[in-house]
Amino acid sequence: MQEFEVELSNEFIELHNLLKITNVASSGGQGKQIVASGDVLVDGQQELRKACKIRAGQVVQVGESVLIRVVAAAE
C-alpha cells in the first residue's frame, strides 16, 4: 500500500484536491470521479462528497492501494 503524509497549511482541503496533490488523481476532475466511484474512505467511512472538507488528523484511503494521513503544518 502506498502511504502519504500531507501537511495542511490551511484549515482544510477539499477531498478531490487532496487526491490531486498526492498524484492519486491526475486532475481535480479525475479526483471527483474517484470519489464518485465510492472507492474512497475517510476515517473508515465511505465518502461520496467530492468537496468534503478534510482536516488535520483525518485519514483517507483509496481502495486497497493508497493511504493518506493529513497532519497540521508545523509552526
C-alpha atoms as a PDB file:
ATOM      1  CA  MET A   1       0.000   0.000   0.000  1.00  0.00           C
ATOM      2  CA  GLN A   2       1.253   3.435  -0.944  1.00  0.00           C
ATOM      3  CA  GLU A   3       1.225   5.858   2.006  1.00  0.00           C
ATOM      4  CA  PHE A   4       1.367   9.653   2.019  1.00  0.00           C
ATOM      5  CA  GLU A   5       1.514  12.259   4.766  1.00  0.00           C
ATOM      6  CA  VAL A   6       0.147  15.643   3.772  1.00  0.00           C
ATOM      7  CA  GLU A   7       0.729  18.797   5.830  1.00  0.00           C
ATOM      8  CA  LEU A   8      -2.116  21.294   5.782  1.00  0.00           C
ATOM      9  CA  SER A   9      -1.212  24.957   5.712  1.00  0.00           C
ATOM     10  CA  ASN A  10      -4.906  25.923   5.805  1.00  0.00           C
ATOM     11  CA  GLU A  11      -7.808  24.743   7.962  1.00  0.00           C
ATOM     12  CA  PHE A  12      -8.902  22.119   5.410  1.00  0.00           C
ATOM     13  CA  ILE A  13      -8.504  20.799   1.869  1.00  0.00           C
ATOM     14  CA  GLU A  14     -11.294  19.518  -0.352  1.00  0.00           C
ATOM     15  CA  LEU A  15     -11.155  15.763  -0.908  1.00  0.00           C
ATOM     16  CA  HIS A  16     -10.813  15.865  -4.699  1.00  0.00           C
ATOM     17  CA  ASN A  17      -7.935  18.366  -4.374  1.00  0.00           C
ATOM     18  CA  LEU A  18      -6.196  16.127  -1.824  1.00  0.00           C
ATOM     19  CA  LEU A  19      -6.275  13.288  -4.343  1.00  0.00           C
ATOM     20  CA  LYS A  20      -4.818  15.644  -6.955  1.00  0.00           C
ATOM     21  CA  ILE A  21      -1.901  16.945  -4.846  1.00  0.00           C
ATOM     22  CA  THR A  22      -0.890  13.416  -3.850  1.00  0.00           C
ATOM     23  CA  ASN A  23      -0.956  12.367  -7.541  1.00  0.00           C
ATOM     24  CA  VAL A  24      -3.606   9.727  -6.824  1.00  0.00           C
ATOM     25  CA  ALA A  25      -5.587  11.639  -9.458  1.00  0.00           C
ATOM     26  CA  SER A  26      -4.021  13.459 -12.406  1.00  0.00           C
ATOM     27  CA  SER A  27      -6.569  16.297 -12.137  1.00  0.00           C
ATOM     28  CA  GLY A  28      -9.299  17.616  -9.894  1.00  0.00           C
ATOM     29  CA  GLY A  29     -11.850  16.191 -12.341  1.00  0.00           C
ATOM     30  CA  GLN A  30     -10.350  12.734 -12.090  1.00  0.00           C
ATOM     31  CA  GLY A  31     -10.301  13.138  -8.304  1.00  0.00           C
ATOM     32  CA  LYS A  32     -14.043  13.829  -8.407  1.00  0.00           C
ATOM     33  CA  GLN A  33     -14.579  10.666 -10.475  1.00  0.00           C
ATOM     34  CA  ILE A  34     -12.610   8.567  -7.978  1.00  0.00           C
ATOM     35  CA  VAL A  35     -14.722   9.903  -5.104  1.00  0.00           C
ATOM     36  CA  ALA A  36     -17.949   9.331  -7.064  1.00  0.00           C
ATOM     37  CA  SER A  37     -16.923   5.710  -7.686  1.00  0.00           C
ATOM     38  CA  GLY A  38     -17.410   5.011  -3.967  1.00  0.00           C
ATOM     39  CA  ASP A  39     -13.841   3.774  -3.567  1.00  0.00           C
ATOM     40  CA  VAL A  40     -12.782   6.450  -1.039  1.00  0.00           C
ATOM     41  CA  LEU A  41     -12.954   6.099   2.746  1.00  0.00           C
ATOM     42  CA  VAL A  42     -12.473   8.983   5.180  1.00  0.00           C
ATOM     43  CA  ASP A  43     -11.752   7.784   8.718  1.00  0.00           C
ATOM     44  CA  GLY A  44     -13.055   4.343   7.717  1.00  0.00           C
ATOM     45  CA  GLN A  45     -16.397   5.591   6.318  1.00  0.00           C
ATOM     46  CA  GLN A  46     -17.299   5.719   2.622  1.00  0.00           C
ATOM     47  CA  GLU A  47     -17.254   9.323   1.396  1.00  0.00           C
ATOM     48  CA  LEU A  48     -19.137  10.374  -1.742  1.00  0.00           C
ATOM     49  CA  ARG A  49     -18.927  14.170  -1.323  1.00  0.00           C
ATOM     50  CA  LYS A  50     -16.279  15.379  -3.758  1.00  0.00           C
ATOM     51  CA  ALA A  51     -15.718  18.656  -1.916  1.00  0.00           C
ATOM     52  CA  CYS A  52     -15.738  17.094   1.573  1.00  0.00           C
ATOM     53  CA  LYS A  53     -13.513  19.185   3.838  1.00  0.00           C
ATOM     54  CA  ILE A  54     -10.558  17.119   5.034  1.00  0.00           C
ATOM     55  CA  ARG A  55      -8.881  18.427   8.179  1.00  0.00           C
ATOM     56  CA  ALA A  56      -5.709  17.596  10.104  1.00  0.00           C
ATOM     57  CA  GLY A  57      -5.955  14.277  11.915  1.00  0.00           C
ATOM     58  CA  GLN A  58      -8.093  12.591   9.280  1.00  0.00           C
ATOM     59  CA  VAL A  59      -7.074   9.528   7.259  1.00  0.00           C
ATOM     60  CA  VAL A  60      -8.172   8.979   3.659  1.00  0.00           C
ATOM     61  CA  GLN A  61      -7.990   5.580   1.989  1.00  0.00           C
ATOM     62  CA  VAL A  62      -8.431   4.968  -1.728  1.00  0.00           C
ATOM     63  CA  GLY A  63      -9.261   1.343  -2.422  1.00  0.00           C
ATOM     64  CA  GLU A  64      -6.674  -1.084  -1.103  1.00  0.00           C
ATOM     65  CA  SER A  65      -3.741   0.796  -2.624  1.00  0.00           C
ATOM     66  CA  VAL A  66      -3.453   4.304  -1.109  1.00  0.00           C
ATOM     67  CA  LEU A  67      -3.479   5.681   2.452  1.00  0.00           C
ATOM     68  CA  ILE A  68      -3.214   9.436   3.068  1.00  0.00           C
ATOM     69  CA  ARG A  69      -2.641  10.825   6.567  1.00  0.00           C
ATOM     70  CA  VAL A  70      -3.433  14.528   6.928  1.00  0.00           C
ATOM     71  CA  VAL A  71      -1.469  16.459   9.565  1.00  0.00           C
ATOM     72  CA  ALA A  72      -1.298  20.068  10.683  1.00  0.00           C
ATOM     73  CA  ALA A  73       1.629  22.088   9.400  1.00  0.00           C
ATOM     74  CA  ALA A  74       4.417  22.578  11.909  1.00  0.00           C
ATOM     75  CA  GLU A  75       4.502  26.143  13.194  1.00  0.00           C
END
